Amino acid sequence: MRMMEKMRPALFGALGLTALAVGAMNMDCAQAAPHGARVKSGSSAGLPAASYTAEQADRGAETYKEACAVCHGPALGGAFDAPPLKGRFVANWSDGPLSDLFTYMSGAMPLSSPGALSAEDNANILAFLLRENGVAAGKTALPTTAAALGKVRFPKVDVQKQPPLAPEITPGTAPR
């Protein structure tokens, strides 16, 4: 009993540090600007739908795995407190200038190092997100500047026709 009393401060101290570390990891994925909150830059009426190539989306899938999946989940279903990047996500950005999402991604993501990805990486990830949300590939790659992406729109996607998301399970959390 006496030994337990002597060990208690060290034990609780170690548990406290572990809890802080886990909490910090969760906060790292959760403390960005409001996910899905779209700042409208203007009217997208008359803008053509964005086009991307299959190769660009494939490159984006690889970069997504490395830079985004830790928070948003490997299947884009959301993890920790980060939202899914399918379904409701599309409704937030659909039919607006693609520059809105590109600018948000470029300045706020990845959360652990905002702005660390190149413009090309962000355009590739954007192509991957378009593909995963049901937008067919075309023959023209997405541009890599906000100015050029302001001249195309995030195509309108019928969320009702998309298959439901399977919840991503992150160790230590309950499925959503």
C-alpha atoms as a PDB file:
ATOM      1  CA  MET A   1       0.000   0.000   0.000  1.00  0.00           C
ATOM      2  CA  ARG A   2       2.795   2.385   0.922  1.00  0.00           C
ATOM      3  CA  MET A   3       4.548   1.690  -2.367  1.00  0.00           C
ATOM      4  CA  MET A   4       1.388   2.590  -4.300  1.00  0.00           C
ATOM      5  CA  GLU A   5       1.172   5.899  -2.451  1.00  0.00           C
ATOM      6  CA  LYS A   6       4.756   6.690  -3.468  1.00  0.00           C
ATOM      7  CA  MET A   7       4.115   5.698  -7.088  1.00  0.00           C
ATOM      8  CA  ARG A   8       0.797   7.562  -7.422  1.00  0.00           C
ATOM      9  CA  PRO A   9       2.260  11.006  -8.346  1.00  0.00           C
ATOM     10  CA  ALA A  10       4.516   9.477 -10.996  1.00  0.00           C
ATOM     11  CA  LEU A  11       1.719   7.303 -12.361  1.00  0.00           C
ATOM     12  CA  PHE A  12      -0.784  10.154 -12.544  1.00  0.00           C
ATOM     13  CA  GLY A  13       1.867  12.449 -13.980  1.00  0.00           C
ATOM     14  CA  ALA A  14       2.608   9.967 -16.769  1.00  0.00           C
ATOM     15  CA  LEU A  15      -1.097   9.455 -17.444  1.00  0.00           C
ATOM     16  CA  GLY A  16      -1.634  13.210 -17.520  1.00  0.00           C
ATOM     17  CA  LEU A  17       1.170  13.702 -20.034  1.00  0.00           C
ATOM     18  CA  THR A  18      -0.242  10.920 -22.195  1.00  0.00           C
ATOM     19  CA  ALA A  19      -3.692  12.510 -22.091  1.00  0.00           C
ATOM     20  CA  LEU A  20      -2.219  15.879 -23.025  1.00  0.00           C
ATOM     21  CA  ALA A  21      -0.332  14.367 -25.952  1.00  0.00           C
ATOM     22  CA  VAL A  22      -3.426  12.588 -27.278  1.00  0.00           C
ATOM     23  CA  GLY A  23      -5.488  15.735 -26.802  1.00  0.00           C
ATOM     24  CA  ALA A  24      -2.913  17.786 -28.658  1.00  0.00           C
ATOM     25  CA  MET A  25      -2.963  15.331 -31.571  1.00  0.00           C
ATOM     26  CA  ASN A  26      -6.743  15.574 -31.752  1.00  0.00           C
ATOM     27  CA  MET A  27      -6.635  19.368 -31.522  1.00  0.00           C
ATOM     28  CA  ASP A  28      -4.036  19.481 -34.292  1.00  0.00           C
ATOM     29  CA  CYS A  29      -6.607  17.966 -36.625  1.00  0.00           C
ATOM     30  CA  ALA A  30      -9.514  19.990 -35.276  1.00  0.00           C
ATOM     31  CA  GLN A  31      -8.341  23.567 -34.901  1.00  0.00           C
ATOM     32  CA  ALA A  32      -8.471  24.792 -38.485  1.00  0.00           C
ATOM     33  CA  ALA A  33     -10.914  27.334 -39.727  1.00  0.00           C
ATOM     34  CA  PRO A  34     -14.409  25.876 -39.717  1.00  0.00           C
ATOM     35  CA  HIS A  35     -14.340  22.899 -42.063  1.00  0.00           C
ATOM     36  CA  GLY A  36     -16.745  23.220 -44.907  1.00  0.00           C
ATOM     37  CA  ALA A  37     -17.372  26.881 -44.141  1.00  0.00           C
ATOM     38  CA  ARG A  38     -17.298  28.453 -47.549  1.00  0.00           C
ATOM     39  CA  VAL A  39     -16.446  32.049 -48.077  1.00  0.00           C
ATOM     40  CA  LYS A  40     -18.148  32.983 -51.321  1.00  0.00           C
ATOM     41  CA  SER A  41     -15.960  35.086 -53.542  1.00  0.00           C
ATOM     42  CA  GLY A  42     -18.693  36.050 -55.946  1.00  0.00           C
ATOM     43  CA  SER A  43     -21.083  34.690 -58.501  1.00  0.00           C
ATOM     44  CA  SER A  44     -20.178  31.551 -60.392  1.00  0.00           C
ATOM     45  CA  ALA A  45     -23.049  31.957 -62.851  1.00  0.00           C
ATOM     46  CA  GLY A  46     -21.826  31.267 -66.333  1.00  0.00           C
ATOM     47  CA  LEU A  47     -18.531  29.696 -65.270  1.00  0.00           C
ATOM     48  CA  PRO A  48     -17.715  26.375 -66.924  1.00  0.00           C
ATOM     49  CA  ALA A  49     -17.391  23.286 -64.760  1.00  0.00           C
ATOM     50  CA  ALA A  50     -13.851  22.399 -63.739  1.00  0.00           C
ATOM     51  CA  SER A  51     -11.935  19.748 -65.622  1.00  0.00           C
ATOM     52  CA  TYR A  52      -9.097  17.560 -64.374  1.00  0.00           C
ATOM     53  CA  THR A  53      -7.194  14.593 -65.755  1.00  0.00           C
ATOM     54  CA  ALA A  54      -7.189  11.065 -64.360  1.00  0.00           C
ATOM     55  CA  GLU A  55      -3.405  11.297 -63.934  1.00  0.00           C
ATOM     56  CA  GLN A  56      -3.782  14.492 -61.920  1.00  0.00           C
ATOM     57  CA  ALA A  57      -6.330  12.826 -59.631  1.00  0.00           C
ATOM     58  CA  ASP A  58      -4.014   9.813 -59.209  1.00  0.00           C
ATOM     59  CA  ARG A  59      -1.181  12.124 -58.118  1.00  0.00           C
ATOM     60  CA  GLY A  60      -3.649  13.856 -55.797  1.00  0.00           C
ATOM     61  CA  ALA A  61      -4.617  10.511 -54.245  1.00  0.00           C
ATOM     62  CA  GLU A  62      -0.980   9.867 -53.336  1.00  0.00           C
ATOM     63  CA  THR A  63      -0.502  13.340 -51.854  1.00  0.00           C
ATOM     64  CA  TYR A  64      -3.824  13.007 -49.994  1.00  0.00           C
ATOM     65  CA  LYS A  65      -2.584   9.784 -48.345  1.00  0.00           C
ATOM     66  CA  GLU A  66       0.569  11.548 -47.173  1.00  0.00           C
ATOM     67  CA  ALA A  67      -0.819  14.930 -46.121  1.00  0.00           C
ATOM     68  CA  CYS A  68      -4.574  14.675 -45.522  1.00  0.00           C
ATOM     69  CA  ALA A  69      -5.634  11.153 -44.570  1.00  0.00           C
ATOM     70  CA  VAL A  70      -4.341  11.444 -41.003  1.00  0.00           C
ATOM     71  CA  CYS A  71      -7.132  13.931 -40.233  1.00  0.00           C
ATOM     72  CA  HIS A  72      -9.754  13.305 -42.933  1.00  0.00           C
ATOM     73  CA  GLY A  73      -9.397   9.510 -43.050  1.00  0.00           C
ATOM     74  CA  PRO A  74      -8.043   7.247 -45.783  1.00  0.00           C
ATOM     75  CA  ALA A  75     -11.463   6.960 -47.468  1.00  0.00           C
ATOM     76  CA  LEU A  76     -12.342  10.686 -47.020  1.00  0.00           C
ATOM     77  CA  GLY A  77     -14.866   9.721 -44.345  1.00  0.00           C
ATOM     78  CA  GLY A  78     -13.545  12.065 -41.665  1.00  0.00           C
ATOM     79  CA  ALA A  79     -11.514  11.188 -38.602  1.00  0.00           C
ATOM     80  CA  PHE A  80     -10.914  12.775 -35.220  1.00  0.00           C
ATOM     81  CA  ASP A  81     -12.856  16.036 -35.476  1.00  0.00           C
ATOM     82  CA  ALA A  82     -12.115  16.612 -39.161  1.00  0.00           C
ATOM     83  CA  PRO A  83     -15.143  16.351 -41.436  1.00  0.00           C
ATOM     84  CA  PRO A  84     -15.674  13.934 -44.296  1.00  0.00           C
ATOM     85  CA  LEU A  85     -14.669  15.204 -47.722  1.00  0.00           C
ATOM     86  CA  LYS A  86     -17.603  13.547 -49.455  1.00  0.00           C
ATOM     87  CA  GLY A  87     -21.324  14.082 -49.248  1.00  0.00           C
ATOM     88  CA  ARG A  88     -22.166  17.171 -47.198  1.00  0.00           C
ATOM     89  CA  PHE A  89     -18.751  18.570 -48.118  1.00  0.00           C
ATOM     90  CA  VAL A  90     -19.844  18.790 -51.751  1.00  0.00           C
ATOM     91  CA  ALA A  91     -22.930  20.818 -50.878  1.00  0.00           C
ATOM     92  CA  ASN A  92     -20.726  23.430 -49.196  1.00  0.00           C
ATOM     93  CA  TRP A  93     -18.488  23.999 -52.223  1.00  0.00           C
ATOM     94  CA  SER A  94     -20.601  22.832 -55.174  1.00  0.00           C
ATOM     95  CA  ASP A  95     -21.405  25.299 -57.920  1.00  0.00           C
ATOM     96  CA  GLY A  96     -18.995  27.945 -56.610  1.00  0.00           C
ATOM     97  CA  PRO A  97     -15.689  29.086 -58.082  1.00  0.00           C
ATOM     98  CA  LEU A  98     -13.085  26.378 -57.542  1.00  0.00           C
ATOM     99  CA  SER A  99     -10.691  29.084 -56.382  1.00  0.00           C
ATOM    100  CA  ASP A 100     -12.653  29.316 -53.099  1.00  0.00           C
ATOM    101  CA  LEU A 101     -11.751  25.759 -52.080  1.00  0.00           C
ATOM    102  CA  PHE A 102      -8.243  25.971 -53.556  1.00  0.00           C
ATOM    103  CA  THR A 103      -7.502  29.159 -51.588  1.00  0.00           C
ATOM    104  CA  TYR A 104      -8.844  27.620 -48.375  1.00  0.00           C
ATOM    105  CA  MET A 105      -6.786  24.456 -48.851  1.00  0.00           C
ATOM    106  CA  SER A 106      -3.650  26.399 -49.757  1.00  0.00           C
ATOM    107  CA  GLY A 107      -3.788  28.572 -46.653  1.00  0.00           C
ATOM    108  CA  ALA A 108      -5.232  26.258 -44.006  1.00  0.00           C
ATOM    109  CA  MET A 109      -4.111  22.752 -44.910  1.00  0.00           C
ATOM    110  CA  PRO A 110      -2.513  20.523 -43.900  1.00  0.00           C
ATOM    111  CA  LEU A 111      -3.394  21.535 -40.396  1.00  0.00           C
ATOM    112  CA  SER A 112      -0.028  20.476 -39.002  1.00  0.00           C
ATOM    113  CA  SER A 113       1.750  22.755 -41.495  1.00  0.00           C
ATOM    114  CA  PRO A 114      -0.632  25.185 -43.238  1.00  0.00           C
ATOM    115  CA  GLY A 115       0.552  26.313 -46.642  1.00  0.00           C
ATOM    116  CA  ALA A 116       3.298  23.691 -46.849  1.00  0.00           C
ATOM    117  CA  LEU A 117       1.968  22.022 -49.991  1.00  0.00           C
ATOM    118  CA  SER A 118       2.793  23.387 -53.407  1.00  0.00           C
ATOM    119  CA  ALA A 119       0.149  24.854 -55.686  1.00  0.00           C
ATOM    120  CA  GLU A 120       0.528  21.776 -57.888  1.00  0.00           C
ATOM    121  CA  ASP A 121      -0.017  19.452 -54.905  1.00  0.00           C
ATOM    122  CA  ASN A 122      -3.156  21.373 -53.914  1.00  0.00           C
ATOM    123  CA  ALA A 123      -4.513  21.244 -57.481  1.00  0.00           C
ATOM    124  CA  ASN A 124      -3.817  17.507 -57.605  1.00  0.00           C
ATOM    125  CA  ILE A 125      -5.611  16.938 -54.295  1.00  0.00           C
ATOM    126  CA  LEU A 126      -8.492  19.038 -55.582  1.00  0.00           C
ATOM    127  CA  ALA A 127      -8.658  16.832 -58.703  1.00  0.00           C
ATOM    128  CA  PHE A 128      -8.720  13.774 -56.432  1.00  0.00           C
ATOM    129  CA  LEU A 129     -11.557  15.284 -54.363  1.00  0.00           C
ATOM    130  CA  LEU A 130     -13.536  16.015 -57.525  1.00  0.00           C
ATOM    131  CA  ARG A 131     -13.076  12.427 -58.708  1.00  0.00           C
ATOM    132  CA  GLU A 132     -14.052  10.966 -55.348  1.00  0.00           C
ATOM    133  CA  ASN A 133     -17.193  13.106 -55.353  1.00  0.00           C
ATOM    134  CA  GLY A 134     -18.397  11.771 -58.692  1.00  0.00           C
ATOM    135  CA  VAL A 135     -17.023  14.341 -61.132  1.00  0.00           C
ATOM    136  CA  ALA A 136     -15.736  12.599 -64.263  1.00  0.00           C
ATOM    137  CA  ALA A 137     -12.188  13.219 -65.476  1.00  0.00           C
ATOM    138  CA  GLY A 138     -11.612  15.209 -68.631  1.00  0.00           C
ATOM    139  CA  LYS A 139      -8.731  15.965 -70.965  1.00  0.00           C
ATOM    140  CA  THR A 140      -7.615  19.222 -69.345  1.00  0.00           C
ATOM    141  CA  ALA A 141      -5.740  19.391 -66.048  1.00  0.00           C
ATOM    142  CA  LEU A 142      -6.876  21.740 -63.307  1.00  0.00           C
ATOM    143  CA  PRO A 143      -4.855  24.928 -63.257  1.00  0.00           C
ATOM    144  CA  THR A 144      -2.575  25.584 -60.301  1.00  0.00           C
ATOM    145  CA  THR A 145      -3.425  29.209 -59.534  1.00  0.00           C
ATOM    146  CA  ALA A 146      -6.360  30.713 -57.672  1.00  0.00           C
ATOM    147  CA  ALA A 147      -6.841  33.246 -60.482  1.00  0.00           C
ATOM    148  CA  ALA A 148      -7.279  30.522 -63.107  1.00  0.00           C
ATOM    149  CA  LEU A 149      -9.424  28.395 -60.769  1.00  0.00           C
ATOM    150  CA  GLY A 150     -11.666  31.425 -60.244  1.00  0.00           C
ATOM    151  CA  LYS A 151     -12.712  31.027 -63.880  1.00  0.00           C
ATOM    152  CA  VAL A 152     -14.146  27.523 -63.364  1.00  0.00           C
ATOM    153  CA  ARG A 153     -16.656  26.219 -60.872  1.00  0.00           C
ATOM    154  CA  PHE A 154     -16.928  23.200 -58.617  1.00  0.00           C
ATOM    155  CA  PRO A 155     -19.419  21.142 -60.636  1.00  0.00           C
ATOM    156  CA  LYS A 156     -22.852  20.630 -59.121  1.00  0.00           C
ATOM    157  CA  VAL A 157     -22.948  17.118 -57.686  1.00  0.00           C
ATOM    158  CA  ASP A 158     -26.105  15.276 -56.674  1.00  0.00           C
ATOM    159  CA  VAL A 159     -25.208  14.150 -53.159  1.00  0.00           C
ATOM    160  CA  GLN A 160     -28.314  11.937 -53.046  1.00  0.00           C
ATOM    161  CA  LYS A 161     -26.853   9.740 -55.809  1.00  0.00           C
ATOM    162  CA  GLN A 162     -23.597   9.127 -53.952  1.00  0.00           C
ATOM    163  CA  PRO A 163     -23.248   5.957 -51.903  1.00  0.00           C
ATOM    164  CA  PRO A 164     -23.402   6.548 -48.145  1.00  0.00           C
ATOM    165  CA  LEU A 165     -20.095   6.982 -46.380  1.00  0.00           C
ATOM    166  CA  ALA A 166     -18.861   4.129 -44.302  1.00  0.00           C
ATOM    167  CA  PRO A 167     -17.709   5.560 -40.987  1.00  0.00           C
ATOM    168  CA  GLU A 168     -13.976   5.696 -40.551  1.00  0.00           C
ATOM    169  CA  ILE A 169     -12.801   4.220 -37.313  1.00  0.00           C
ATOM    170  CA  THR A 170      -9.885   5.930 -35.664  1.00  0.00           C
ATOM    171  CA  PRO A 171      -8.204   4.052 -32.828  1.00  0.00           C
ATOM    172  CA  GLY A 172      -9.658   5.196 -29.545  1.00  0.00           C
ATOM    173  CA  THR A 173     -12.821   6.680 -31.031  1.00  0.00           C
ATOM    174  CA  ALA A 174     -16.294   5.394 -31.674  1.00  0.00           C
ATOM    175  CA  PRO A 175     -17.583   5.190 -35.248  1.00  0.00           C
ATOM    176  CA  ARG A 176     -19.644   8.187 -36.399  1.00  0.00           C
END
